[in-house]
Amino acid sequence: MRYVMILSLLAAVSILPVQAAPPSESSVEEMLKCLQVDKLLTQALGQMTDGMNKAMEQKLQATVGSRDLTSTQKAAIDKFRKKFAQTIQDDMSPGKVRAIYLQCYKETFTQDEVDGIIAFYKSPAGTAISEKYPQVMQKAQTMMQARIAPMSSKVQVAMDDMIKELENTQKAEPVQKAEAVKKP
């Protein structure tokens, strides 16, 4: 009876789904190295920082315009620029962003998957993808920009047509309302 119970428990346990082992931090670190995440993050953060700086400068230019600023106002703007740069450097450092990626990969992939990804990226094909991916993205971005310009023109024409239609509708509405008032 005792053996039957033990065998029944073992059979029940073997039917339950086996949860895959989470990856170790060291294996995820190796995977990030194979994926060249540090290089990609540095490039992406640099582009993002440049974009944020340009947007900030445009906002300042729009706010200040061509006014002559006092030395106190210039000092306030310089102080803001330094604080802005320091905030970006502190909050978006490659180390902090990398830690986010590390956590996401650890929570998303199993150890078996990480091992497979590492094996692939250490292969010649995986190395080629890793090394050539930035070139692919640059080419894709250039090609997308070439598509966006004509699309923007089409959207602008459609928007102009809509504005004309709205203007024509506004002009016609008072006439329709006047006609409706005349009818008993």
C-alpha atoms as a PDB file:
ATOM      1  CA  MET A   1       0.000   0.000   0.000  1.00  0.00           C
ATOM      2  CA  ARG A   2       2.811   2.350   0.899  1.00  0.00           C
ATOM      3  CA  TYR A   3       4.573   1.710  -2.413  1.00  0.00           C
ATOM      4  CA  VAL A   4       1.368   2.253  -4.351  1.00  0.00           C
ATOM      5  CA  MET A   5       0.951   5.640  -2.666  1.00  0.00           C
ATOM      6  CA  ILE A   6       4.558   6.649  -3.403  1.00  0.00           C
ATOM      7  CA  LEU A   7       4.232   5.537  -7.029  1.00  0.00           C
ATOM      8  CA  SER A   8       0.950   7.445  -7.327  1.00  0.00           C
ATOM      9  CA  LEU A   9       2.586  10.605  -5.983  1.00  0.00           C
ATOM     10  CA  LEU A  10       5.564  10.202  -8.329  1.00  0.00           C
ATOM     11  CA  ALA A  11       3.225   9.710 -11.282  1.00  0.00           C
ATOM     12  CA  ALA A  12       1.227  12.801 -10.326  1.00  0.00           C
ATOM     13  CA  VAL A  13       4.382  14.878  -9.974  1.00  0.00           C
ATOM     14  CA  SER A  14       5.735  13.702 -13.315  1.00  0.00           C
ATOM     15  CA  ILE A  15       2.515  14.804 -15.035  1.00  0.00           C
ATOM     16  CA  LEU A  16       2.837  18.382 -13.712  1.00  0.00           C
ATOM     17  CA  PRO A  17       4.528  20.756 -16.148  1.00  0.00           C
ATOM     18  CA  VAL A  18       8.183  21.249 -15.498  1.00  0.00           C
ATOM     19  CA  GLN A  19       9.071  24.895 -15.081  1.00  0.00           C
ATOM     20  CA  ALA A  20      12.154  25.837 -17.029  1.00  0.00           C
ATOM     21  CA  ALA A  21      15.122  27.055 -15.066  1.00  0.00           C
ATOM     22  CA  PRO A  22      15.716  30.795 -15.104  1.00  0.00           C
ATOM     23  CA  PRO A  23      19.035  31.817 -16.618  1.00  0.00           C
ATOM     24  CA  SER A  24      22.006  32.619 -14.452  1.00  0.00           C
ATOM     25  CA  GLU A  25      23.233  36.190 -14.355  1.00  0.00           C
ATOM     26  CA  SER A  26      26.600  35.144 -15.759  1.00  0.00           C
ATOM     27  CA  SER A  27      24.987  33.431 -18.758  1.00  0.00           C
ATOM     28  CA  VAL A  28      22.832  36.493 -19.477  1.00  0.00           C
ATOM     29  CA  GLU A  29      25.975  38.645 -19.173  1.00  0.00           C
ATOM     30  CA  GLU A  30      27.658  36.408 -21.760  1.00  0.00           C
ATOM     31  CA  MET A  31      24.598  36.635 -23.999  1.00  0.00           C
ATOM     32  CA  LEU A  32      24.627  40.456 -23.769  1.00  0.00           C
ATOM     33  CA  LYS A  33      28.291  40.384 -24.745  1.00  0.00           C
ATOM     34  CA  CYS A  34      27.540  38.154 -27.749  1.00  0.00           C
ATOM     35  CA  LEU A  35      24.683  40.450 -28.777  1.00  0.00           C
ATOM     36  CA  GLN A  36      27.036  43.440 -28.489  1.00  0.00           C
ATOM     37  CA  VAL A  37      24.443  45.191 -26.349  1.00  0.00           C
ATOM     38  CA  ASP A  38      26.992  47.599 -24.840  1.00  0.00           C
ATOM     39  CA  LYS A  39      28.001  48.865 -28.285  1.00  0.00           C
ATOM     40  CA  LEU A  40      24.394  49.208 -29.416  1.00  0.00           C
ATOM     41  CA  LEU A  41      23.361  50.917 -26.181  1.00  0.00           C
ATOM     42  CA  THR A  42      26.206  53.413 -26.407  1.00  0.00           C
ATOM     43  CA  GLN A  43      25.191  54.301 -29.971  1.00  0.00           C
ATOM     44  CA  ALA A  44      21.475  54.481 -29.164  1.00  0.00           C
ATOM     45  CA  LEU A  45      22.000  56.545 -26.017  1.00  0.00           C
ATOM     46  CA  GLY A  46      24.295  58.903 -27.932  1.00  0.00           C
ATOM     47  CA  GLN A  47      21.656  59.425 -30.617  1.00  0.00           C
ATOM     48  CA  MET A  48      18.927  59.856 -28.027  1.00  0.00           C
ATOM     49  CA  THR A  49      21.012  62.368 -26.066  1.00  0.00           C
ATOM     50  CA  ASP A  50      21.753  64.325 -29.241  1.00  0.00           C
ATOM     51  CA  GLY A  51      18.058  64.370 -30.087  1.00  0.00           C
ATOM     52  CA  MET A  52      17.086  65.508 -26.608  1.00  0.00           C
ATOM     53  CA  ASN A  53      19.751  68.234 -26.708  1.00  0.00           C
ATOM     54  CA  LYS A  54      18.501  69.478 -30.090  1.00  0.00           C
ATOM     55  CA  ALA A  55      14.898  69.482 -28.853  1.00  0.00           C
ATOM     56  CA  MET A  56      15.930  71.376 -25.718  1.00  0.00           C
ATOM     57  CA  GLU A  57      17.854  73.934 -27.795  1.00  0.00           C
ATOM     58  CA  GLN A  58      14.884  74.393 -30.131  1.00  0.00           C
ATOM     59  CA  LYS A  59      12.569  74.912 -27.169  1.00  0.00           C
ATOM     60  CA  LEU A  60      14.969  77.447 -25.680  1.00  0.00           C
ATOM     61  CA  GLN A  61      15.268  79.227 -29.032  1.00  0.00           C
ATOM     62  CA  ALA A  62      11.477  79.307 -29.408  1.00  0.00           C
ATOM     63  CA  THR A  63      11.107  80.667 -25.879  1.00  0.00           C
ATOM     64  CA  VAL A  64      13.922  83.210 -25.995  1.00  0.00           C
ATOM     65  CA  GLY A  65      13.765  84.074 -29.684  1.00  0.00           C
ATOM     66  CA  SER A  66      15.940  86.984 -30.717  1.00  0.00           C
ATOM     67  CA  ARG A  67      15.575  88.866 -27.435  1.00  0.00           C
ATOM     68  CA  ASP A  68      18.661  90.247 -25.807  1.00  0.00           C
ATOM     69  CA  LEU A  69      19.158  88.425 -22.558  1.00  0.00           C
ATOM     70  CA  THR A  70      20.599  89.844 -19.398  1.00  0.00           C
ATOM     71  CA  SER A  71      23.667  88.243 -17.914  1.00  0.00           C
ATOM     72  CA  THR A  72      21.455  86.771 -15.168  1.00  0.00           C
ATOM     73  CA  GLN A  73      19.157  85.195 -17.765  1.00  0.00           C
ATOM     74  CA  LYS A  74      22.133  83.825 -19.706  1.00  0.00           C
ATOM     75  CA  ALA A  75      23.537  82.376 -16.485  1.00  0.00           C
ATOM     76  CA  ALA A  76      20.152  80.748 -15.743  1.00  0.00           C
ATOM     77  CA  ILE A  77      20.103  79.177 -19.208  1.00  0.00           C
ATOM     78  CA  ASP A  78      23.675  77.910 -18.829  1.00  0.00           C
ATOM     79  CA  LYS A  79      22.791  76.472 -15.408  1.00  0.00           C
ATOM     80  CA  PHE A  80      19.772  74.720 -16.944  1.00  0.00           C
ATOM     81  CA  ARG A  81      21.876  73.296 -19.794  1.00  0.00           C
ATOM     82  CA  LYS A  82      24.371  71.855 -17.305  1.00  0.00           C
ATOM     83  CA  LYS A  83      21.609  70.419 -15.131  1.00  0.00           C
ATOM     84  CA  PHE A  84      19.901  68.941 -18.198  1.00  0.00           C
ATOM     85  CA  ALA A  85      23.157  67.320 -19.380  1.00  0.00           C
ATOM     86  CA  GLN A  86      23.880  65.976 -15.879  1.00  0.00           C
ATOM     87  CA  THR A  87      20.368  64.544 -15.552  1.00  0.00           C
ATOM     88  CA  ILE A  88      20.705  62.707 -18.850  1.00  0.00           C
ATOM     89  CA  GLN A  89      24.169  61.462 -17.905  1.00  0.00           C
ATOM     90  CA  ASP A  90      22.974  60.254 -14.492  1.00  0.00           C
ATOM     91  CA  ASP A  91      19.631  58.731 -15.442  1.00  0.00           C
ATOM     92  CA  MET A  92      20.487  57.321 -18.863  1.00  0.00           C
ATOM     93  CA  SER A  93      24.003  56.071 -18.308  1.00  0.00           C
ATOM     94  CA  PRO A  94      24.917  52.933 -20.255  1.00  0.00           C
ATOM     95  CA  GLY A  95      25.343  51.051 -16.975  1.00  0.00           C
ATOM     96  CA  LYS A  96      21.849  51.879 -15.743  1.00  0.00           C
ATOM     97  CA  VAL A  97      20.207  51.104 -19.067  1.00  0.00           C
ATOM     98  CA  ARG A  98      22.232  47.893 -19.369  1.00  0.00           C
ATOM     99  CA  ALA A  99      20.938  46.800 -15.956  1.00  0.00           C
ATOM    100  CA  ILE A 100      17.399  47.152 -17.314  1.00  0.00           C
ATOM    101  CA  TYR A 101      18.268  44.931 -20.286  1.00  0.00           C
ATOM    102  CA  LEU A 102      19.929  42.400 -17.997  1.00  0.00           C
ATOM    103  CA  GLN A 103      16.801  42.190 -15.849  1.00  0.00           C
ATOM    104  CA  CYS A 104      14.490  41.935 -18.879  1.00  0.00           C
ATOM    105  CA  TYR A 105      16.518  39.140 -20.455  1.00  0.00           C
ATOM    106  CA  LYS A 106      16.690  37.247 -17.142  1.00  0.00           C
ATOM    107  CA  GLU A 107      12.925  37.511 -16.688  1.00  0.00           C
ATOM    108  CA  THR A 108      12.097  36.612 -20.296  1.00  0.00           C
ATOM    109  CA  PHE A 109      14.401  33.756 -21.295  1.00  0.00           C
ATOM    110  CA  THR A 110      15.083  30.354 -19.790  1.00  0.00           C
ATOM    111  CA  GLN A 111      18.573  28.984 -19.250  1.00  0.00           C
ATOM    112  CA  ASP A 112      18.166  26.652 -22.242  1.00  0.00           C
ATOM    113  CA  GLU A 113      17.147  29.563 -24.463  1.00  0.00           C
ATOM    114  CA  VAL A 114      20.059  31.706 -23.295  1.00  0.00           C
ATOM    115  CA  ASP A 115      22.441  28.821 -23.934  1.00  0.00           C
ATOM    116  CA  GLY A 116      21.017  28.430 -27.454  1.00  0.00           C
ATOM    117  CA  ILE A 117      21.267  32.161 -28.161  1.00  0.00           C
ATOM    118  CA  ILE A 118      24.883  32.215 -26.977  1.00  0.00           C
ATOM    119  CA  ALA A 119      25.718  29.199 -29.149  1.00  0.00           C
ATOM    120  CA  PHE A 120      24.113  30.842 -32.174  1.00  0.00           C
ATOM    121  CA  TYR A 121      25.819  34.211 -31.707  1.00  0.00           C
ATOM    122  CA  LYS A 122      29.179  32.492 -31.290  1.00  0.00           C
ATOM    123  CA  SER A 123      28.658  30.753 -34.640  1.00  0.00           C
ATOM    124  CA  PRO A 124      29.825  32.432 -37.873  1.00  0.00           C
ATOM    125  CA  ALA A 125      26.226  33.254 -38.833  1.00  0.00           C
ATOM    126  CA  GLY A 126      25.473  34.727 -35.419  1.00  0.00           C
ATOM    127  CA  THR A 127      28.662  36.765 -35.453  1.00  0.00           C
ATOM    128  CA  ALA A 128      27.749  38.108 -38.905  1.00  0.00           C
ATOM    129  CA  ILE A 129      24.301  39.175 -37.707  1.00  0.00           C
ATOM    130  CA  SER A 130      25.750  40.819 -34.638  1.00  0.00           C
ATOM    131  CA  GLU A 131      28.386  42.717 -36.605  1.00  0.00           C
ATOM    132  CA  LYS A 132      26.203  43.665 -39.583  1.00  0.00           C
ATOM    133  CA  TYR A 133      23.001  44.541 -37.738  1.00  0.00           C
ATOM    134  CA  PRO A 134      23.925  48.243 -37.367  1.00  0.00           C
ATOM    135  CA  GLN A 135      24.534  48.439 -41.152  1.00  0.00           C
ATOM    136  CA  VAL A 136      21.148  46.858 -41.824  1.00  0.00           C
ATOM    137  CA  MET A 137      19.441  49.310 -39.484  1.00  0.00           C
ATOM    138  CA  GLN A 138      21.204  52.289 -41.095  1.00  0.00           C
ATOM    139  CA  LYS A 139      20.184  51.151 -44.575  1.00  0.00           C
ATOM    140  CA  ALA A 140      16.617  50.511 -43.438  1.00  0.00           C
ATOM    141  CA  GLN A 141      16.454  53.966 -41.848  1.00  0.00           C
ATOM    142  CA  THR A 142      17.695  55.600 -45.066  1.00  0.00           C
ATOM    143  CA  MET A 143      15.171  53.662 -47.135  1.00  0.00           C
ATOM    144  CA  MET A 144      12.353  54.517 -44.707  1.00  0.00           C
ATOM    145  CA  GLN A 145      13.235  58.204 -44.893  1.00  0.00           C
ATOM    146  CA  ALA A 146      13.017  57.983 -48.683  1.00  0.00           C
ATOM    147  CA  ARG A 147       9.483  56.594 -48.297  1.00  0.00           C
ATOM    148  CA  ILE A 148       8.426  59.113 -45.672  1.00  0.00           C
ATOM    149  CA  ALA A 149       9.045  62.191 -47.861  1.00  0.00           C
ATOM    150  CA  PRO A 150       6.533  61.222 -50.597  1.00  0.00           C
ATOM    151  CA  MET A 151       4.119  59.952 -47.973  1.00  0.00           C
ATOM    152  CA  SER A 152       4.326  63.293 -46.158  1.00  0.00           C
ATOM    153  CA  SER A 153       3.482  65.060 -49.414  1.00  0.00           C
ATOM    154  CA  LYS A 154       0.426  62.835 -49.890  1.00  0.00           C
ATOM    155  CA  VAL A 155      -0.703  63.478 -46.333  1.00  0.00           C
ATOM    156  CA  GLN A 156      -0.215  67.231 -46.810  1.00  0.00           C
ATOM    157  CA  VAL A 157      -2.337  67.188 -49.999  1.00  0.00           C
ATOM    158  CA  ALA A 158      -5.046  65.198 -48.205  1.00  0.00           C
ATOM    159  CA  MET A 159      -4.950  67.643 -45.279  1.00  0.00           C
ATOM    160  CA  ASP A 160      -5.211  70.641 -47.641  1.00  0.00           C
ATOM    161  CA  ASP A 161      -8.200  68.992 -49.342  1.00  0.00           C
ATOM    162  CA  MET A 162      -9.859  68.399 -45.981  1.00  0.00           C
ATOM    163  CA  ILE A 163      -9.320  72.033 -44.936  1.00  0.00           C
ATOM    164  CA  LYS A 164     -10.853  73.250 -48.221  1.00  0.00           C
ATOM    165  CA  GLU A 165     -13.796  70.905 -47.688  1.00  0.00           C
ATOM    166  CA  LEU A 166     -14.302  72.204 -44.140  1.00  0.00           C
ATOM    167  CA  GLU A 167     -14.138  75.798 -45.348  1.00  0.00           C
ATOM    168  CA  ASN A 168     -16.675  75.065 -48.104  1.00  0.00           C
ATOM    169  CA  THR A 169     -18.942  73.342 -45.578  1.00  0.00           C
ATOM    170  CA  GLN A 170     -18.782  76.352 -43.245  1.00  0.00           C
ATOM    171  CA  LYS A 171     -19.713  78.702 -46.091  1.00  0.00           C
ATOM    172  CA  ALA A 172     -22.629  76.487 -47.132  1.00  0.00           C
ATOM    173  CA  GLU A 173     -24.000  75.954 -43.599  1.00  0.00           C
ATOM    174  CA  PRO A 174     -25.383  79.472 -43.041  1.00  0.00           C
ATOM    175  CA  VAL A 175     -27.282  79.183 -46.333  1.00  0.00           C
ATOM    176  CA  GLN A 176     -28.751  75.818 -45.304  1.00  0.00           C
ATOM    177  CA  LYS A 177     -29.735  77.174 -41.876  1.00  0.00           C
ATOM    178  CA  ALA A 178     -31.383  80.209 -43.453  1.00  0.00           C
ATOM    179  CA  GLU A 179     -33.369  77.961 -45.804  1.00  0.00           C
ATOM    180  CA  ALA A 180     -34.445  75.772 -42.886  1.00  0.00           C
ATOM    181  CA  VAL A 181     -35.739  78.840 -40.990  1.00  0.00           C
ATOM    182  CA  LYS A 182     -37.821  80.009 -43.982  1.00  0.00           C
ATOM    183  CA  LYS A 183     -39.647  76.659 -44.256  1.00  0.00           C
ATOM    184  CA  PRO A 184     -42.675  76.437 -41.928  1.00  0.00           C
END
